[in-house]
Amino acid sequence: MSDSHPPTTQDQTPLLSQDQTENFTNLEENKPLPIKTHHCRFCNHLLLATTRSLSLLPRRKDPARDAALILPLPKSTTNDDEDETDQNRGTKGVKHYSILLSTSIPDRKATLVRREDGFEKRLFLRCGRCRVVVGYFLDDVHFLGHTDDKGAGEGGGAKVVYLLPGGLVETGAMGDEDKVKAMDQEWSGWE
């Protein structure tokens, strides 16, 4: 009978092999990032879901006076992007992801904005409910590698979206008057 049960000792070997322990550790490190949702500041319409914190995003500098937040967008929405993310997890950790929901509507035609250093061609991004501008894309003409094959105002190669300060509010801050007033102070001094 004693042969059927393994001996019990204080110094038992671990149940996981070295490879299994490393894989378990990698899984813990690669936990999915929390998704934050953002709404239109004026009508509370849901517009954006992202794993990034908007307060930590870089801003546009002068001569762009709007100090817009620069939010990187994913390169594509195909399965190739998911495969790339899985390959990067071993070296870089979890990849950030942002999605503009279909409730945000880009203008069909670009608008020229006069700046101190010239002109800028913007494709405004509006709230789908109240039509307030919450951000914009820069036209492809502003980026290297631009070709004239595309029609004007398509903005198909957008890699980032510029979000106007105070245009979006995080879901958790919607009922907090102090946070909303602080957002109002950020853009109230614009010319």
N, C-alpha and C. Protein backbone atom coordinates (compact mmCIF):
# COMPACT_ATOMS: atom_id res chain seq x y z
N MET A 1 0.80 -1.18 0.00
CA MET A 1 0.00 0.00 0.00
C MET A 1 0.85 1.26 0.00
N SER A 2 1.94 1.20 0.70
CA SER A 2 2.78 2.39 0.77
C SER A 2 3.41 2.71 -0.57
N ASP A 3 3.48 1.73 -1.48
CA ASP A 3 4.05 1.98 -2.80
C ASP A 3 3.10 2.79 -3.69
N SER A 4 1.81 2.80 -3.42
CA SER A 4 0.86 3.49 -4.29
C SER A 4 0.82 5.00 -4.04
N HIS A 5 1.26 5.45 -2.88
CA HIS A 5 1.24 6.88 -2.57
C HIS A 5 2.65 7.43 -2.61
N PRO A 6 2.84 8.59 -3.22
CA PRO A 6 4.18 9.18 -3.24
C PRO A 6 4.55 9.65 -1.84
N PRO A 7 5.84 9.61 -1.53
CA PRO A 7 6.26 10.06 -0.22
C PRO A 7 6.04 11.57 -0.08
N THR A 8 5.68 12.02 1.09
CA THR A 8 5.47 13.44 1.35
C THR A 8 6.66 13.97 2.14
N THR A 9 7.24 15.01 1.62
CA THR A 9 8.36 15.65 2.32
C THR A 9 8.15 17.15 2.30
N GLN A 10 8.89 17.84 3.09
CA GLN A 10 8.81 19.29 3.15
C GLN A 10 9.35 19.93 1.88
N ASP A 11 10.38 19.36 1.26
CA ASP A 11 11.03 19.92 0.07
C ASP A 11 10.55 19.21 -1.19
N GLN A 12 9.33 19.50 -1.60
CA GLN A 12 8.82 18.91 -2.83
C GLN A 12 9.25 19.76 -4.01
N THR A 13 9.41 19.13 -5.15
CA THR A 13 9.78 19.87 -6.35
C THR A 13 8.57 20.65 -6.83
N PRO A 14 8.79 21.78 -7.51
CA PRO A 14 7.66 22.58 -7.99
C PRO A 14 6.84 21.80 -9.02
N LEU A 15 5.56 22.10 -9.05
CA LEU A 15 4.66 21.42 -9.97
C LEU A 15 4.82 21.92 -11.40
N LEU A 16 5.37 23.12 -11.59
CA LEU A 16 5.54 23.69 -12.92
C LEU A 16 7.00 23.62 -13.35
N SER A 17 7.22 23.32 -14.61
CA SER A 17 8.59 23.32 -15.13
C SER A 17 9.04 24.76 -15.32
N GLN A 18 10.31 24.96 -15.64
CA GLN A 18 10.86 26.30 -15.85
C GLN A 18 10.14 27.02 -16.99
N ASP A 19 9.89 26.32 -18.11
CA ASP A 19 9.20 26.92 -19.25
C ASP A 19 7.78 27.32 -18.89
N GLN A 20 7.09 26.47 -18.13
CA GLN A 20 5.73 26.77 -17.73
C GLN A 20 5.70 27.97 -16.80
N THR A 21 6.68 28.09 -15.92
CA THR A 21 6.75 29.22 -15.00
C THR A 21 6.97 30.52 -15.77
N GLU A 22 7.85 30.50 -16.78
CA GLU A 22 8.11 31.69 -17.59
C GLU A 22 6.86 32.09 -18.37
N ASN A 23 6.14 31.12 -18.93
CA ASN A 23 4.91 31.42 -19.66
C ASN A 23 3.86 32.02 -18.74
N PHE A 24 3.74 31.50 -17.52
CA PHE A 24 2.79 32.01 -16.56
C PHE A 24 3.14 33.45 -16.19
N THR A 25 4.43 33.73 -16.00
CA THR A 25 4.87 35.08 -15.67
C THR A 25 4.57 36.03 -16.83
N ASN A 26 4.80 35.60 -18.07
CA ASN A 26 4.50 36.43 -19.23
C ASN A 26 3.01 36.73 -19.33
N LEU A 27 2.17 35.77 -19.00
CA LEU A 27 0.73 36.00 -19.04
C LEU A 27 0.32 37.05 -18.02
N GLU A 28 0.93 37.01 -16.84
CA GLU A 28 0.61 38.00 -15.82
C GLU A 28 1.03 39.40 -16.27
N GLU A 29 2.21 39.51 -16.91
CA GLU A 29 2.71 40.80 -17.35
C GLU A 29 1.89 41.34 -18.52
N ASN A 30 1.29 40.48 -19.32
CA ASN A 30 0.57 40.89 -20.52
C ASN A 30 -0.94 40.95 -20.31
N LYS A 31 -1.37 41.31 -19.12
CA LYS A 31 -2.80 41.45 -18.88
C LYS A 31 -3.33 42.55 -19.78
N PRO A 32 -4.54 42.39 -20.27
CA PRO A 32 -5.09 43.43 -21.14
C PRO A 32 -5.25 44.74 -20.38
N LEU A 33 -5.00 45.83 -21.07
CA LEU A 33 -5.13 47.15 -20.48
C LEU A 33 -6.61 47.49 -20.32
N PRO A 34 -6.96 48.27 -19.30
CA PRO A 34 -8.37 48.65 -19.15
C PRO A 34 -8.79 49.60 -20.28
N ILE A 35 -10.01 49.44 -20.72
CA ILE A 35 -10.54 50.27 -21.80
C ILE A 35 -11.29 51.44 -21.17
N LYS A 36 -10.92 52.63 -21.60
CA LYS A 36 -11.58 53.85 -21.11
C LYS A 36 -12.48 54.37 -22.23
N THR A 37 -13.68 54.75 -21.88
CA THR A 37 -14.61 55.29 -22.87
C THR A 37 -14.77 56.79 -22.63
N HIS A 38 -14.94 57.52 -23.73
CA HIS A 38 -15.04 58.97 -23.67
C HIS A 38 -16.27 59.43 -24.43
N HIS A 39 -16.90 60.47 -23.90
CA HIS A 39 -18.16 60.98 -24.43
C HIS A 39 -17.99 62.43 -24.87
N CYS A 40 -18.92 62.89 -25.70
CA CYS A 40 -18.96 64.29 -26.09
C CYS A 40 -19.19 65.13 -24.84
N ARG A 41 -18.45 66.18 -24.68
CA ARG A 41 -18.53 67.03 -23.50
C ARG A 41 -19.88 67.74 -23.41
N PHE A 42 -20.51 67.96 -24.55
CA PHE A 42 -21.70 68.79 -24.59
C PHE A 42 -23.01 68.01 -24.56
N CYS A 43 -23.04 66.80 -25.14
CA CYS A 43 -24.30 66.04 -25.16
C CYS A 43 -24.16 64.63 -24.58
N ASN A 44 -22.97 64.26 -24.10
CA ASN A 44 -22.69 62.96 -23.47
C ASN A 44 -22.82 61.76 -24.41
N HIS A 45 -22.71 61.98 -25.70
CA HIS A 45 -22.78 60.90 -26.70
C HIS A 45 -21.45 60.15 -26.70
N LEU A 46 -21.48 58.82 -26.67
CA LEU A 46 -20.26 57.99 -26.65
C LEU A 46 -19.53 58.10 -27.99
N LEU A 47 -18.22 58.47 -27.94
CA LEU A 47 -17.46 58.72 -29.17
C LEU A 47 -16.18 57.92 -29.30
N LEU A 48 -15.52 57.57 -28.20
CA LEU A 48 -14.18 57.01 -28.27
C LEU A 48 -13.99 55.94 -27.21
N ALA A 49 -13.30 54.86 -27.60
CA ALA A 49 -12.86 53.82 -26.65
C ALA A 49 -11.36 53.64 -26.87
N THR A 50 -10.59 53.67 -25.79
CA THR A 50 -9.14 53.57 -25.90
C THR A 50 -8.54 52.96 -24.64
N THR A 51 -7.37 52.38 -24.80
CA THR A 51 -6.62 51.88 -23.64
C THR A 51 -5.65 52.94 -23.14
N ARG A 52 -5.56 54.05 -23.83
CA ARG A 52 -4.64 55.13 -23.44
C ARG A 52 -5.33 56.12 -22.51
N SER A 53 -4.54 56.76 -21.69
CA SER A 53 -5.04 57.83 -20.84
C SER A 53 -4.86 59.15 -21.59
N LEU A 54 -5.95 59.87 -21.83
CA LEU A 54 -5.87 61.09 -22.62
C LEU A 54 -5.00 62.15 -21.95
N SER A 55 -4.96 62.16 -20.63
CA SER A 55 -4.16 63.17 -19.92
C SER A 55 -2.67 62.98 -20.13
N LEU A 56 -2.24 61.78 -20.54
CA LEU A 56 -0.82 61.50 -20.75
C LEU A 56 -0.39 61.63 -22.21
N LEU A 57 -1.31 61.93 -23.10
CA LEU A 57 -0.99 62.04 -24.52
C LEU A 57 -0.21 63.32 -24.81
N PRO A 58 0.67 63.29 -25.82
CA PRO A 58 1.37 64.52 -26.20
C PRO A 58 0.40 65.50 -26.84
N ARG A 59 0.80 66.78 -26.83
CA ARG A 59 -0.03 67.84 -27.40
C ARG A 59 0.68 68.51 -28.56
N ARG A 60 -0.10 69.09 -29.45
CA ARG A 60 0.49 69.88 -30.53
C ARG A 60 1.07 71.15 -29.95
N LYS A 61 2.20 71.54 -30.48
CA LYS A 61 2.90 72.73 -30.00
C LYS A 61 2.70 73.87 -30.99
N ASP A 62 3.17 75.06 -30.63
CA ASP A 62 3.09 76.22 -31.51
C ASP A 62 3.77 75.92 -32.82
N PRO A 63 3.31 76.38 -33.91
CA PRO A 63 2.30 77.41 -34.13
C PRO A 63 0.86 76.90 -34.12
N ALA A 64 0.61 75.65 -33.82
CA ALA A 64 -0.77 75.16 -33.68
C ALA A 64 -1.26 75.57 -32.30
N ARG A 65 -2.11 76.56 -32.24
CA ARG A 65 -2.51 77.16 -30.97
C ARG A 65 -3.55 76.35 -30.21
N ASP A 66 -4.08 75.31 -30.81
CA ASP A 66 -5.16 74.59 -30.14
C ASP A 66 -4.68 73.61 -29.08
N ALA A 67 -3.38 73.30 -29.03
CA ALA A 67 -2.82 72.34 -28.05
C ALA A 67 -3.59 71.03 -28.07
N ALA A 68 -3.97 70.57 -29.25
CA ALA A 68 -4.76 69.35 -29.40
C ALA A 68 -3.97 68.13 -28.94
N LEU A 69 -4.68 67.17 -28.37
CA LEU A 69 -4.08 65.91 -27.95
C LEU A 69 -3.84 65.04 -29.18
N ILE A 70 -2.69 64.39 -29.25
CA ILE A 70 -2.34 63.55 -30.39
C ILE A 70 -2.59 62.10 -30.02
N LEU A 71 -3.64 61.51 -30.57
CA LEU A 71 -4.02 60.13 -30.28
C LEU A 71 -3.68 59.23 -31.46
N PRO A 72 -2.70 58.32 -31.31
CA PRO A 72 -2.38 57.39 -32.40
C PRO A 72 -3.52 56.40 -32.62
N LEU A 73 -3.77 56.10 -33.88
CA LEU A 73 -4.80 55.13 -34.24
C LEU A 73 -4.12 53.87 -34.75
N PRO A 74 -4.79 52.71 -34.66
CA PRO A 74 -4.21 51.47 -35.19
C PRO A 74 -4.04 51.57 -36.70
N LYS A 75 -3.06 50.82 -37.21
CA LYS A 75 -2.77 50.87 -38.65
C LYS A 75 -3.87 50.24 -39.48
N SER A 76 -4.46 49.14 -39.00
CA SER A 76 -5.53 48.49 -39.75
C SER A 76 -6.42 47.75 -38.76
N THR A 77 -7.55 47.28 -39.27
CA THR A 77 -8.47 46.53 -38.43
C THR A 77 -8.58 45.09 -38.88
N THR A 78 -7.58 44.60 -39.61
CA THR A 78 -7.61 43.23 -40.11
C THR A 78 -6.99 42.29 -39.10
N ASN A 79 -7.06 41.00 -39.38
CA ASN A 79 -6.46 40.00 -38.50
C ASN A 79 -4.95 40.09 -38.48
N ASP A 80 -4.34 40.67 -39.52
CA ASP A 80 -2.89 40.84 -39.53
C ASP A 80 -2.44 41.67 -38.35
N ASP A 81 -3.25 42.67 -37.97
CA ASP A 81 -2.91 43.53 -36.85
C ASP A 81 -2.92 42.73 -35.55
N GLU A 82 -3.87 41.81 -35.40
CA GLU A 82 -3.92 40.98 -34.20
C GLU A 82 -2.71 40.07 -34.12
N ASP A 83 -2.30 39.50 -35.26
CA ASP A 83 -1.11 38.64 -35.27
C ASP A 83 0.12 39.42 -34.87
N GLU A 84 0.24 40.66 -35.36
CA GLU A 84 1.38 41.50 -35.03
C GLU A 84 1.39 41.80 -33.53
N THR A 85 0.21 42.04 -32.96
CA THR A 85 0.12 42.31 -31.54
C THR A 85 0.60 41.11 -30.74
N ASP A 86 0.19 39.91 -31.13
CA ASP A 86 0.61 38.71 -30.41
C ASP A 86 2.12 38.53 -30.47
N GLN A 87 2.74 38.84 -31.60
CA GLN A 87 4.19 38.71 -31.72
C GLN A 87 4.90 39.74 -30.87
N ASN A 88 4.35 40.94 -30.75
CA ASN A 88 4.98 42.00 -29.98
C ASN A 88 4.85 41.79 -28.48
N ARG A 89 3.91 41.00 -28.04
CA ARG A 89 3.68 40.82 -26.61
C ARG A 89 4.88 40.25 -25.89
N GLY A 90 5.63 39.40 -26.54
CA GLY A 90 6.78 38.80 -25.90
C GLY A 90 7.87 39.80 -25.60
N THR A 91 7.96 40.89 -26.38
CA THR A 91 9.04 41.83 -26.21
C THR A 91 8.60 43.19 -25.69
N LYS A 92 7.43 43.65 -26.08
CA LYS A 92 7.03 45.00 -25.73
C LYS A 92 5.89 45.06 -24.72
N GLY A 93 5.23 43.98 -24.44
CA GLY A 93 4.08 44.02 -23.56
C GLY A 93 2.81 44.23 -24.37
N VAL A 94 1.74 44.60 -23.70
CA VAL A 94 0.45 44.75 -24.33
C VAL A 94 0.43 46.03 -25.17
N LYS A 95 -0.14 45.92 -26.34
CA LYS A 95 -0.20 47.04 -27.27
C LYS A 95 -1.45 47.88 -27.00
N HIS A 96 -1.28 49.20 -27.05
CA HIS A 96 -2.42 50.10 -26.87
C HIS A 96 -3.31 50.07 -28.11
N TYR A 97 -4.58 50.34 -27.90
CA TYR A 97 -5.53 50.33 -29.00
C TYR A 97 -6.55 51.44 -28.78
N SER A 98 -6.91 52.13 -29.83
CA SER A 98 -7.92 53.18 -29.78
C SER A 98 -8.86 53.01 -30.95
N ILE A 99 -10.13 53.28 -30.71
CA ILE A 99 -11.11 53.18 -31.79
C ILE A 99 -12.08 54.35 -31.68
N LEU A 100 -12.24 55.03 -32.80
CA LEU A 100 -13.27 56.06 -32.91
C LEU A 100 -14.56 55.34 -33.27
N LEU A 101 -15.56 55.48 -32.45
CA LEU A 101 -16.81 54.78 -32.69
C LEU A 101 -17.55 55.41 -33.87
N SER A 102 -18.45 54.68 -34.44
CA SER A 102 -19.17 55.17 -35.63
C SER A 102 -20.07 56.35 -35.29
N THR A 103 -20.18 56.69 -34.02
CA THR A 103 -20.99 57.83 -33.62
C THR A 103 -20.24 59.14 -33.80
N SER A 104 -18.95 59.08 -34.15
CA SER A 104 -18.19 60.29 -34.49
C SER A 104 -18.11 60.37 -36.01
N ILE A 105 -18.42 61.54 -36.54
CA ILE A 105 -18.57 61.68 -37.98
C ILE A 105 -17.52 62.66 -38.53
N PRO A 106 -16.62 62.18 -39.41
CA PRO A 106 -15.69 63.12 -40.05
C PRO A 106 -16.41 63.89 -41.16
N ASP A 107 -16.04 65.17 -41.32
CA ASP A 107 -16.60 65.96 -42.41
C ASP A 107 -16.22 65.34 -43.75
N ARG A 108 -17.03 65.58 -44.75
CA ARG A 108 -16.75 65.03 -46.08
C ARG A 108 -15.66 65.82 -46.80
N LYS A 109 -15.61 67.12 -46.55
CA LYS A 109 -14.62 67.97 -47.20
C LYS A 109 -13.71 68.60 -46.16
N ALA A 110 -12.47 68.79 -46.55
CA ALA A 110 -11.50 69.40 -45.65
C ALA A 110 -11.75 70.91 -45.54
N THR A 111 -11.31 71.48 -44.42
CA THR A 111 -11.41 72.91 -44.17
C THR A 111 -10.01 73.48 -44.07
N LEU A 112 -9.75 74.60 -44.73
CA LEU A 112 -8.45 75.25 -44.63
C LEU A 112 -8.44 76.14 -43.40
N VAL A 113 -7.40 75.99 -42.58
CA VAL A 113 -7.24 76.79 -41.38
C VAL A 113 -5.99 77.63 -41.56
N ARG A 114 -6.12 78.95 -41.36
CA ARG A 114 -4.98 79.84 -41.49
C ARG A 114 -4.18 79.83 -40.19
N ARG A 115 -2.87 79.64 -40.35
CA ARG A 115 -1.96 79.65 -39.21
C ARG A 115 -0.88 80.69 -39.45
N GLU A 116 -0.09 80.97 -38.42
CA GLU A 116 0.99 81.94 -38.55
C GLU A 116 2.02 81.50 -39.59
N ASP A 117 2.22 80.20 -39.71
CA ASP A 117 3.24 79.69 -40.62
C ASP A 117 2.67 79.21 -41.96
N GLY A 118 1.42 79.52 -42.23
CA GLY A 118 0.82 79.11 -43.50
C GLY A 118 -0.60 78.61 -43.30
N PHE A 119 -0.96 77.57 -44.05
CA PHE A 119 -2.30 77.01 -43.99
C PHE A 119 -2.23 75.54 -43.59
N GLU A 120 -3.33 75.07 -43.04
CA GLU A 120 -3.43 73.66 -42.66
C GLU A 120 -4.77 73.15 -43.16
N LYS A 121 -4.77 71.99 -43.75
CA LYS A 121 -5.98 71.38 -44.29
C LYS A 121 -6.46 70.34 -43.29
N ARG A 122 -7.60 70.61 -42.64
CA ARG A 122 -8.13 69.73 -41.60
C ARG A 122 -9.45 69.11 -42.02
N LEU A 123 -9.63 67.88 -41.60
CA LEU A 123 -10.89 67.17 -41.78
C LEU A 123 -11.51 67.05 -40.39
N PHE A 124 -12.49 67.89 -40.08
CA PHE A 124 -13.05 67.95 -38.74
C PHE A 124 -13.80 66.67 -38.38
N LEU A 125 -13.69 66.29 -37.12
CA LEU A 125 -14.37 65.13 -36.56
C LEU A 125 -15.46 65.66 -35.63
N ARG A 126 -16.69 65.34 -35.93
CA ARG A 126 -17.82 65.89 -35.18
C ARG A 126 -18.56 64.82 -34.39
N CYS A 127 -19.21 65.26 -33.33
CA CYS A 127 -20.09 64.39 -32.56
C CYS A 127 -21.28 64.05 -33.45
N GLY A 128 -21.68 62.78 -33.44
CA GLY A 128 -22.79 62.35 -34.28
C GLY A 128 -24.14 62.85 -33.82
N ARG A 129 -24.26 63.28 -32.58
CA ARG A 129 -25.55 63.75 -32.08
C ARG A 129 -25.67 65.27 -32.19
N CYS A 130 -24.73 66.02 -31.59
CA CYS A 130 -24.86 67.48 -31.55
C CYS A 130 -24.03 68.19 -32.61
N ARG A 131 -23.19 67.46 -33.36
CA ARG A 131 -22.39 67.98 -34.46
C ARG A 131 -21.30 68.97 -34.03
N VAL A 132 -20.95 69.02 -32.76
CA VAL A 132 -19.86 69.86 -32.27
C VAL A 132 -18.54 69.22 -32.68
N VAL A 133 -17.57 70.03 -33.10
CA VAL A 133 -16.25 69.52 -33.48
C VAL A 133 -15.51 69.10 -32.22
N VAL A 134 -15.08 67.84 -32.16
CA VAL A 134 -14.33 67.33 -31.01
C VAL A 134 -12.89 67.01 -31.37
N GLY A 135 -12.56 67.05 -32.66
CA GLY A 135 -11.19 66.76 -33.08
C GLY A 135 -11.07 66.92 -34.58
N TYR A 136 -9.93 66.51 -35.11
CA TYR A 136 -9.71 66.61 -36.55
C TYR A 136 -8.58 65.69 -36.98
N PHE A 137 -8.58 65.41 -38.28
CA PHE A 137 -7.48 64.72 -38.95
C PHE A 137 -6.79 65.75 -39.83
N LEU A 138 -5.49 65.62 -40.01
CA LEU A 138 -4.80 66.44 -41.00
C LEU A 138 -4.89 65.74 -42.34
N ASP A 139 -5.05 66.51 -43.39
CA ASP A 139 -5.13 65.96 -44.73
C ASP A 139 -3.81 65.28 -45.09
N ASP A 140 -3.88 64.31 -45.97
CA ASP A 140 -2.69 63.56 -46.39
C ASP A 140 -1.60 64.44 -46.99
N VAL A 141 -1.96 65.60 -47.49
CA VAL A 141 -0.99 66.49 -48.11
C VAL A 141 0.09 66.94 -47.12
N HIS A 142 -0.18 66.86 -45.83
CA HIS A 142 0.77 67.30 -44.80
C HIS A 142 1.81 66.25 -44.45
N PHE A 143 1.70 65.05 -44.99
CA PHE A 143 2.59 63.96 -44.61
C PHE A 143 3.51 63.57 -45.75
N LEU A 144 4.68 63.08 -45.41
CA LEU A 144 5.63 62.60 -46.42
C LEU A 144 5.04 61.41 -47.15
N GLY A 145 5.42 61.27 -48.40
CA GLY A 145 4.93 60.14 -49.18
C GLY A 145 3.56 60.38 -49.76
N HIS A 146 3.08 61.62 -49.70
CA HIS A 146 1.76 61.96 -50.25
C HIS A 146 1.81 61.89 -51.77
N THR A 147 0.80 61.26 -52.36
CA THR A 147 0.67 61.24 -53.81
C THR A 147 -0.64 61.90 -54.18
N ASP A 148 -0.71 62.44 -55.37
CA ASP A 148 -1.92 63.13 -55.82
C ASP A 148 -2.95 62.17 -56.41
N ASP A 149 -2.76 60.86 -56.26
CA ASP A 149 -3.69 59.88 -56.81
C ASP A 149 -5.03 59.91 -56.09
N LYS A 150 -5.01 60.27 -54.81
CA LYS A 150 -6.25 60.29 -54.03
C LYS A 150 -7.01 61.58 -54.30
N GLY A 151 -8.31 61.52 -54.07
CA GLY A 151 -9.11 62.72 -54.20
C GLY A 151 -8.91 63.61 -52.99
N ALA A 152 -9.26 64.86 -53.13
CA ALA A 152 -9.07 65.81 -52.04
C ALA A 152 -10.01 65.48 -50.89
N GLY A 153 -9.50 65.60 -49.69
CA GLY A 153 -10.31 65.43 -48.50
C GLY A 153 -10.62 64.00 -48.12
N GLU A 154 -9.96 63.03 -48.68
CA GLU A 154 -10.26 61.65 -48.31
C GLU A 154 -9.75 61.31 -46.92
N GLY A 155 -8.53 61.74 -46.59
CA GLY A 155 -7.98 61.46 -45.27
C GLY A 155 -7.87 59.99 -44.97
N GLY A 156 -7.73 59.14 -45.97
CA GLY A 156 -7.73 57.70 -45.78
C GLY A 156 -6.51 57.18 -45.05
N GLY A 157 -5.39 57.91 -45.09
CA GLY A 157 -4.17 57.43 -44.48
C GLY A 157 -3.95 57.94 -43.07
N ALA A 158 -5.02 58.31 -42.37
CA ALA A 158 -4.89 58.91 -41.05
C ALA A 158 -4.27 57.92 -40.07
N LYS A 159 -3.19 58.31 -39.46
CA LYS A 159 -2.52 57.48 -38.47
C LYS A 159 -2.75 58.02 -37.05
N VAL A 160 -3.14 59.29 -36.96
CA VAL A 160 -3.44 59.92 -35.68
C VAL A 160 -4.68 60.78 -35.82
N VAL A 161 -5.34 61.01 -34.70
CA VAL A 161 -6.44 61.96 -34.64
C VAL A 161 -6.04 63.00 -33.61
N TYR A 162 -6.35 64.25 -33.89
CA TYR A 162 -6.06 65.35 -32.98
C TYR A 162 -7.35 65.68 -32.25
N LEU A 163 -7.36 65.50 -30.94
CA LEU A 163 -8.55 65.72 -30.13
C LEU A 163 -8.46 67.09 -29.47
N LEU A 164 -9.51 67.89 -29.62
CA LEU A 164 -9.51 69.22 -29.04
C LEU A 164 -9.68 69.15 -27.53
N PRO A 165 -8.92 69.95 -26.79
CA PRO A 165 -9.03 69.94 -25.33
C PRO A 165 -10.44 70.34 -24.90
N GLY A 166 -10.98 69.62 -23.96
CA GLY A 166 -12.31 69.91 -23.45
C GLY A 166 -13.44 69.38 -24.31
N GLY A 167 -13.14 68.72 -25.41
CA GLY A 167 -14.18 68.20 -26.29
C GLY A 167 -14.74 66.86 -25.84
N LEU A 168 -13.93 66.08 -25.12
CA LEU A 168 -14.34 64.76 -24.65
C LEU A 168 -14.23 64.70 -23.13
N VAL A 169 -15.08 63.90 -22.53
CA VAL A 169 -15.02 63.67 -21.09
C VAL A 169 -15.08 62.16 -20.86
N GLU A 170 -14.24 61.68 -19.93
CA GLU A 170 -14.22 60.25 -19.62
C GLU A 170 -15.51 59.86 -18.91
N THR A 171 -15.94 58.64 -19.13
CA THR A 171 -17.21 58.16 -18.56
C THR A 171 -17.27 58.38 -17.05
N GLY A 172 -16.19 58.08 -16.35
CA GLY A 172 -16.18 58.22 -14.89
C GLY A 172 -16.25 59.65 -14.40
N ALA A 173 -15.92 60.62 -15.24
CA ALA A 173 -15.89 62.03 -14.83
C ALA A 173 -17.13 62.80 -15.28
N MET A 174 -18.07 62.12 -15.91
CA MET A 174 -19.23 62.82 -16.46
C MET A 174 -20.06 63.54 -15.40
N GLY A 175 -20.20 62.99 -14.23
CA GLY A 175 -21.01 63.61 -13.20
C GLY A 175 -20.22 64.47 -12.23
N ASP A 176 -18.92 64.57 -12.39
CA ASP A 176 -18.06 65.31 -11.47
C ASP A 176 -17.91 66.76 -11.96
N GLU A 177 -18.60 67.69 -11.29
CA GLU A 177 -18.59 69.09 -11.72
C GLU A 177 -17.21 69.72 -11.64
N ASP A 178 -16.41 69.35 -10.65
CA ASP A 178 -15.08 69.93 -10.51
C ASP A 178 -14.20 69.59 -11.71
N LYS A 179 -14.24 68.34 -12.15
CA LYS A 179 -13.44 67.93 -13.31
C LYS A 179 -13.92 68.62 -14.58
N VAL A 180 -15.23 68.76 -14.74
CA VAL A 180 -15.78 69.40 -15.93
C VAL A 180 -15.40 70.88 -15.95
N LYS A 181 -15.45 71.56 -14.80
CA LYS A 181 -15.06 72.97 -14.74
C LYS A 181 -13.57 73.14 -15.04
N ALA A 182 -12.75 72.21 -14.59
CA ALA A 182 -11.31 72.26 -14.90
C ALA A 182 -11.09 72.13 -16.40
N MET A 183 -11.88 71.29 -17.06
CA MET A 183 -11.78 71.14 -18.52
C MET A 183 -12.19 72.43 -19.21
N ASP A 184 -13.22 73.11 -18.69
CA ASP A 184 -13.67 74.36 -19.29
C ASP A 184 -12.60 75.43 -19.21
N GLN A 185 -11.85 75.48 -18.12
CA GLN A 185 -10.79 76.48 -17.96
C GLN A 185 -9.68 76.26 -18.97
N GLU A 186 -9.47 75.02 -19.38
CA GLU A 186 -8.39 74.70 -20.31
C GLU A 186 -8.59 75.38 -21.67
N TRP A 187 -9.80 75.44 -22.17
CA TRP A 187 -10.03 75.99 -23.50
C TRP A 187 -10.71 77.35 -23.48
N SER A 188 -11.09 77.86 -22.31
CA SER A 188 -11.83 79.13 -22.26
C SER A 188 -10.96 80.33 -22.65
N GLY A 189 -9.63 80.21 -22.59
CA GLY A 189 -8.75 81.32 -22.93
C GLY A 189 -8.37 81.39 -24.39
N TRP A 190 -8.98 80.58 -25.24
CA TRP A 190 -8.64 80.59 -26.67
C TRP A 190 -9.06 81.91 -27.30
N GLU A 191 -8.36 82.26 -28.33
CA GLU A 191 -8.67 83.49 -29.07
C GLU A 191 -9.78 83.26 -30.06
